[in-house]
Amino acid sequence: MKKTILTTVMIVALFISCKEIKEKSNTSTNVETTETIHENVHEDDKMVLNNSWVNEIQLDKGNKWEANIETTEGVESMLGLIKENNPQTVEDYHQLASKLNDEKNFVVKECTMTGPSHDNLHVFLHPLIEKIDALGKVNSVENGKETIKSIKENLDGYYTYFK
């Protein structure tokens, strides 16, 4: 239940901070659908780490989407954090998750994208949010390594779809 509430709050904050205006009925439908999806993801933690989002995201008529500079800077910063950190303990992974979360929050707060590019950014961000959350909860170094690998793959994928 806590995971559902946390996920819902994060998604609502993401939508609000991105300045996207939606009709009330459409927003509540999206939140309910997202809650259902995230409840299913949490049933199997391995699903959180997969990169099935690449099956959902689209290109802009075969081209990369134009992203705002803050989004690209945030992704670069997260990749830098992963590169420069060499976590050795579970606590190290939790600290890295906190730093990644701060950068992710910057991306969400500074988002000015609209329309289809914005929608596709959300396809990229939703699993990243879940993975960073999972990193903050790892209970072994092995789980931390696996989660970092998945986060890095997610972040690297940004450059396939956005410029």
C-alpha atoms as a PDB file:
ATOM      1  CA  MET A   1       0.000   0.000   0.000  1.00  0.00           C
ATOM      2  CA  LYS A   2       2.864   2.401   0.866  1.00  0.00           C
ATOM      3  CA  LYS A   3       4.461   1.689  -2.502  1.00  0.00           C
ATOM      4  CA  THR A   4       1.225   2.507  -4.308  1.00  0.00           C
ATOM      5  CA  ILE A   5       0.846   5.791  -2.448  1.00  0.00           C
ATOM      6  CA  LEU A   6       4.510   6.731  -2.997  1.00  0.00           C
ATOM      7  CA  THR A   7       4.285   5.866  -6.685  1.00  0.00           C
ATOM      8  CA  THR A   8       1.073   7.839  -7.050  1.00  0.00           C
ATOM      9  CA  VAL A   9       2.584  10.889  -5.328  1.00  0.00           C
ATOM     10  CA  MET A  10       5.690  10.702  -7.547  1.00  0.00           C
ATOM     11  CA  ILE A  11       3.613  10.418 -10.709  1.00  0.00           C
ATOM     12  CA  VAL A  12       1.295  13.244  -9.710  1.00  0.00           C
ATOM     13  CA  ALA A  13       4.328  15.428  -8.903  1.00  0.00           C
ATOM     14  CA  LEU A  14       5.822  14.509 -12.261  1.00  0.00           C
ATOM     15  CA  PHE A  15       2.670  15.527 -14.109  1.00  0.00           C
ATOM     16  CA  ILE A  16       2.219  18.755 -12.150  1.00  0.00           C
ATOM     17  CA  SER A  17       5.832  19.867 -12.426  1.00  0.00           C
ATOM     18  CA  CYS A  18       5.873  19.221 -16.137  1.00  0.00           C
ATOM     19  CA  LYS A  19       3.136  21.819 -16.474  1.00  0.00           C
ATOM     20  CA  GLU A  20       0.980  19.498 -18.485  1.00  0.00           C
ATOM     21  CA  ILE A  21      -2.681  20.493 -18.448  1.00  0.00           C
ATOM     22  CA  LYS A  22      -5.135  17.640 -18.605  1.00  0.00           C
ATOM     23  CA  GLU A  23      -8.847  17.358 -18.175  1.00  0.00           C
ATOM     24  CA  LYS A  24      -9.801  16.139 -14.727  1.00  0.00           C
ATOM     25  CA  SER A  25     -11.368  12.903 -15.930  1.00  0.00           C
ATOM     26  CA  ASN A  26      -8.398  12.093 -18.150  1.00  0.00           C
ATOM     27  CA  THR A  27      -5.927  12.702 -15.296  1.00  0.00           C
ATOM     28  CA  SER A  28      -7.769  10.470 -12.850  1.00  0.00           C
ATOM     29  CA  THR A  29      -7.957   7.717 -15.463  1.00  0.00           C
ATOM     30  CA  ASN A  30      -4.205   7.966 -16.113  1.00  0.00           C
ATOM     31  CA  VAL A  31      -3.371   7.888 -12.399  1.00  0.00           C
ATOM     32  CA  GLU A  32      -5.623   4.863 -11.813  1.00  0.00           C
ATOM     33  CA  THR A  33      -4.115   3.024 -14.776  1.00  0.00           C
ATOM     34  CA  THR A  34      -0.585   3.873 -13.634  1.00  0.00           C
ATOM     35  CA  GLU A  35      -1.354   2.692 -10.104  1.00  0.00           C
ATOM     36  CA  THR A  36      -2.504  -0.652 -11.455  1.00  0.00           C
ATOM     37  CA  ILE A  37       0.610  -1.022 -13.593  1.00  0.00           C
ATOM     38  CA  HIS A  38       2.914  -0.142 -10.693  1.00  0.00           C
ATOM     39  CA  GLU A  39       1.168  -2.541  -8.320  1.00  0.00           C
ATOM     40  CA  ASN A  40       1.874  -5.334 -10.801  1.00  0.00           C
ATOM     41  CA  VAL A  41       5.512  -4.259 -11.179  1.00  0.00           C
ATOM     42  CA  HIS A  42       6.065  -4.435  -7.420  1.00  0.00           C
ATOM     43  CA  GLU A  43       4.783  -8.004  -7.307  1.00  0.00           C
ATOM     44  CA  ASP A  44       7.972  -9.064  -9.070  1.00  0.00           C
ATOM     45  CA  ASP A  45      11.027  -6.890  -8.403  1.00  0.00           C
ATOM     46  CA  LYS A  46      12.766  -8.307 -11.467  1.00  0.00           C
ATOM     47  CA  MET A  47      10.157  -6.584 -13.635  1.00  0.00           C
ATOM     48  CA  VAL A  48      11.297  -3.224 -12.241  1.00  0.00           C
ATOM     49  CA  LEU A  49      14.795  -3.823 -13.569  1.00  0.00           C
ATOM     50  CA  ASN A  50      13.850  -4.826 -17.092  1.00  0.00           C
ATOM     51  CA  ASN A  51      13.943  -2.337 -19.916  1.00  0.00           C
ATOM     52  CA  SER A  52      10.637  -3.170 -21.565  1.00  0.00           C
ATOM     53  CA  TRP A  53       9.961   0.575 -21.810  1.00  0.00           C
ATOM     54  CA  VAL A  54      11.923   0.504 -25.086  1.00  0.00           C
ATOM     55  CA  ASN A  55       8.992  -1.427 -26.559  1.00  0.00           C
ATOM     56  CA  GLU A  56       6.631   1.437 -25.683  1.00  0.00           C
ATOM     57  CA  ILE A  57       8.647   4.533 -26.566  1.00  0.00           C
ATOM     58  CA  GLN A  58       8.475   5.993 -30.051  1.00  0.00           C
ATOM     59  CA  LEU A  59      10.684   8.168 -32.194  1.00  0.00           C
ATOM     60  CA  ASP A  60       9.558  11.381 -33.868  1.00  0.00           C
ATOM     61  CA  LYS A  61       8.932  10.043 -37.392  1.00  0.00           C
ATOM     62  CA  GLY A  62      12.192   8.121 -37.178  1.00  0.00           C
ATOM     63  CA  ASN A  63      14.104  10.983 -35.549  1.00  0.00           C
ATOM     64  CA  LYS A  64      15.071  11.691 -31.952  1.00  0.00           C
ATOM     65  CA  TRP A  65      12.786  13.932 -29.909  1.00  0.00           C
ATOM     66  CA  GLU A  66      13.966  17.423 -29.022  1.00  0.00           C
ATOM     67  CA  ALA A  67      14.493  17.546 -25.246  1.00  0.00           C
ATOM     68  CA  ASN A  68      14.987  20.601 -23.078  1.00  0.00           C
ATOM     69  CA  ILE A  69      18.582  21.176 -21.970  1.00  0.00           C
ATOM     70  CA  GLU A  70      17.797  20.594 -18.281  1.00  0.00           C
ATOM     71  CA  THR A  71      16.563  17.085 -19.027  1.00  0.00           C
ATOM     72  CA  THR A  72      19.709  16.226 -20.963  1.00  0.00           C
ATOM     73  CA  GLU A  73      21.908  17.764 -18.253  1.00  0.00           C
ATOM     74  CA  GLY A  74      20.090  15.745 -15.593  1.00  0.00           C
ATOM     75  CA  VAL A  75      20.590  12.494 -17.502  1.00  0.00           C
ATOM     76  CA  GLU A  76      24.278  13.318 -18.018  1.00  0.00           C
ATOM     77  CA  SER A  77      24.632  14.107 -14.324  1.00  0.00           C
ATOM     78  CA  MET A  78      23.035  10.790 -13.328  1.00  0.00           C
ATOM     79  CA  LEU A  79      25.379   8.914 -15.665  1.00  0.00           C
ATOM     80  CA  GLY A  80      28.293  10.830 -14.130  1.00  0.00           C
ATOM     81  CA  LEU A  81      27.210   9.836 -10.629  1.00  0.00           C
ATOM     82  CA  ILE A  82      27.139   6.185 -11.634  1.00  0.00           C
ATOM     83  CA  LYS A  83      30.543   6.430 -13.316  1.00  0.00           C
ATOM     84  CA  GLU A  84      32.302   8.224 -10.456  1.00  0.00           C
ATOM     85  CA  ASN A  85      30.815   6.126  -7.643  1.00  0.00           C
ATOM     86  CA  ASN A  86      32.058   2.680  -6.766  1.00  0.00           C
ATOM     87  CA  PRO A  87      29.618   1.473  -4.109  1.00  0.00           C
ATOM     88  CA  GLN A  88      30.981  -1.252  -1.847  1.00  0.00           C
ATOM     89  CA  THR A  89      28.218  -1.587   0.724  1.00  0.00           C
ATOM     90  CA  VAL A  90      24.442  -1.561   0.825  1.00  0.00           C
ATOM     91  CA  GLU A  91      24.643   1.866   2.478  1.00  0.00           C
ATOM     92  CA  ASP A  92      26.774   3.123  -0.429  1.00  0.00           C
ATOM     93  CA  TYR A  93      24.017   2.036  -2.833  1.00  0.00           C
ATOM     94  CA  HIS A  94      21.405   3.794  -0.724  1.00  0.00           C
ATOM     95  CA  GLN A  95      23.484   7.002  -0.753  1.00  0.00           C
ATOM     96  CA  LEU A  96      23.905   6.778  -4.524  1.00  0.00           C
ATOM     97  CA  ALA A  97      20.138   6.294  -4.856  1.00  0.00           C
ATOM     98  CA  SER A  98      19.606   9.497  -2.888  1.00  0.00           C
ATOM     99  CA  LYS A  99      21.932  11.441  -5.206  1.00  0.00           C
ATOM    100  CA  LEU A 100      20.291   9.957  -8.301  1.00  0.00           C
ATOM    101  CA  ASN A 101      16.888  10.823  -6.870  1.00  0.00           C
ATOM    102  CA  ASP A 102      17.957  14.455  -6.433  1.00  0.00           C
ATOM    103  CA  GLU A 103      19.012  14.610 -10.089  1.00  0.00           C
ATOM    104  CA  LYS A 104      15.817  12.897 -11.223  1.00  0.00           C
ATOM    105  CA  ASN A 105      13.816  15.453  -9.238  1.00  0.00           C
ATOM    106  CA  PHE A 106      15.733  18.230 -11.021  1.00  0.00           C
ATOM    107  CA  VAL A 107      14.736  16.740 -14.392  1.00  0.00           C
ATOM    108  CA  VAL A 108      11.100  16.535 -13.346  1.00  0.00           C
ATOM    109  CA  LYS A 109      11.039  20.033 -11.845  1.00  0.00           C
ATOM    110  CA  GLU A 110      12.681  21.687 -14.843  1.00  0.00           C
ATOM    111  CA  CYS A 111      10.685  19.876 -17.509  1.00  0.00           C
ATOM    112  CA  THR A 112       9.239  22.246 -20.084  1.00  0.00           C
ATOM    113  CA  MET A 113       8.514  19.698 -22.786  1.00  0.00           C
ATOM    114  CA  THR A 114       4.998  19.329 -24.168  1.00  0.00           C
ATOM    115  CA  GLY A 115       3.116  17.140 -26.591  1.00  0.00           C
ATOM    116  CA  PRO A 116       4.421  13.835 -27.956  1.00  0.00           C
ATOM    117  CA  SER A 117       8.042  14.505 -26.895  1.00  0.00           C
ATOM    118  CA  HIS A 118       6.808  14.991 -23.334  1.00  0.00           C
ATOM    119  CA  ASP A 119       4.686  11.848 -23.486  1.00  0.00           C
ATOM    120  CA  ASN A 120       7.670   9.818 -24.663  1.00  0.00           C
ATOM    121  CA  LEU A 121       9.868  11.350 -21.965  1.00  0.00           C
ATOM    122  CA  HIS A 122       7.403   9.935 -19.448  1.00  0.00           C
ATOM    123  CA  VAL A 123       7.789   6.479 -21.009  1.00  0.00           C
ATOM    124  CA  PHE A 124      11.535   6.853 -20.352  1.00  0.00           C
ATOM    125  CA  LEU A 125      11.172   8.356 -16.852  1.00  0.00           C
ATOM    126  CA  HIS A 126       8.621   6.036 -15.261  1.00  0.00           C
ATOM    127  CA  PRO A 127      10.877   2.965 -15.162  1.00  0.00           C
ATOM    128  CA  LEU A 128      13.845   5.124 -14.161  1.00  0.00           C
ATOM    129  CA  ILE A 129      11.889   6.406 -11.156  1.00  0.00           C
ATOM    130  CA  GLU A 130      11.057   2.820 -10.176  1.00  0.00           C
ATOM    131  CA  LYS A 131      14.681   1.718 -10.530  1.00  0.00           C
ATOM    132  CA  ILE A 132      16.046   4.569  -8.429  1.00  0.00           C
ATOM    133  CA  ASP A 133      13.432   3.754  -5.788  1.00  0.00           C
ATOM    134  CA  ALA A 134      14.492   0.091  -5.895  1.00  0.00           C
ATOM    135  CA  LEU A 135      18.161   1.083  -5.504  1.00  0.00           C
ATOM    136  CA  GLY A 136      17.284   2.923  -2.310  1.00  0.00           C
ATOM    137  CA  LYS A 137      15.829  -0.304  -0.940  1.00  0.00           C
ATOM    138  CA  VAL A 138      18.448  -2.898  -1.976  1.00  0.00           C
ATOM    139  CA  ASN A 139      19.429  -5.290   0.773  1.00  0.00           C
ATOM    140  CA  SER A 140      22.576  -6.760  -0.764  1.00  0.00           C
ATOM    141  CA  VAL A 141      25.560  -5.593  -2.766  1.00  0.00           C
ATOM    142  CA  GLU A 142      24.599  -8.033  -5.532  1.00  0.00           C
ATOM    143  CA  ASN A 143      21.109  -6.485  -5.793  1.00  0.00           C
ATOM    144  CA  GLY A 144      22.739  -3.056  -5.840  1.00  0.00           C
ATOM    145  CA  LYS A 145      25.026  -4.012  -8.721  1.00  0.00           C
ATOM    146  CA  GLU A 146      22.127  -5.442 -10.708  1.00  0.00           C
ATOM    147  CA  THR A 147      19.999  -2.357 -10.087  1.00  0.00           C
ATOM    148  CA  ILE A 148      22.794   0.064 -11.045  1.00  0.00           C
ATOM    149  CA  LYS A 149      23.353  -1.886 -14.259  1.00  0.00           C
ATOM    150  CA  SER A 150      19.658  -1.517 -15.128  1.00  0.00           C
ATOM    151  CA  ILE A 151      19.638   2.200 -14.247  1.00  0.00           C
ATOM    152  CA  LYS A 152      22.679   2.780 -16.460  1.00  0.00           C
ATOM    153  CA  GLU A 153      21.045   0.910 -19.354  1.00  0.00           C
ATOM    154  CA  ASN A 154      17.931   3.061 -18.894  1.00  0.00           C
ATOM    155  CA  LEU A 155      19.968   6.278 -18.857  1.00  0.00           C
ATOM    156  CA  ASP A 156      22.060   5.226 -21.866  1.00  0.00           C
ATOM    157  CA  GLY A 157      18.805   4.573 -23.735  1.00  0.00           C
ATOM    158  CA  TYR A 158      17.906   8.251 -23.393  1.00  0.00           C
ATOM    159  CA  TYR A 159      20.319   9.128 -26.193  1.00  0.00           C
ATOM    160  CA  THR A 160      18.590   6.702 -28.561  1.00  0.00           C
ATOM    161  CA  TYR A 161      15.322   8.623 -28.327  1.00  0.00           C
ATOM    162  CA  PHE A 162      16.192  12.203 -27.353  1.00  0.00           C
ATOM    163  CA  LYS A 163      18.619  14.896 -28.445  1.00  0.00           C
END
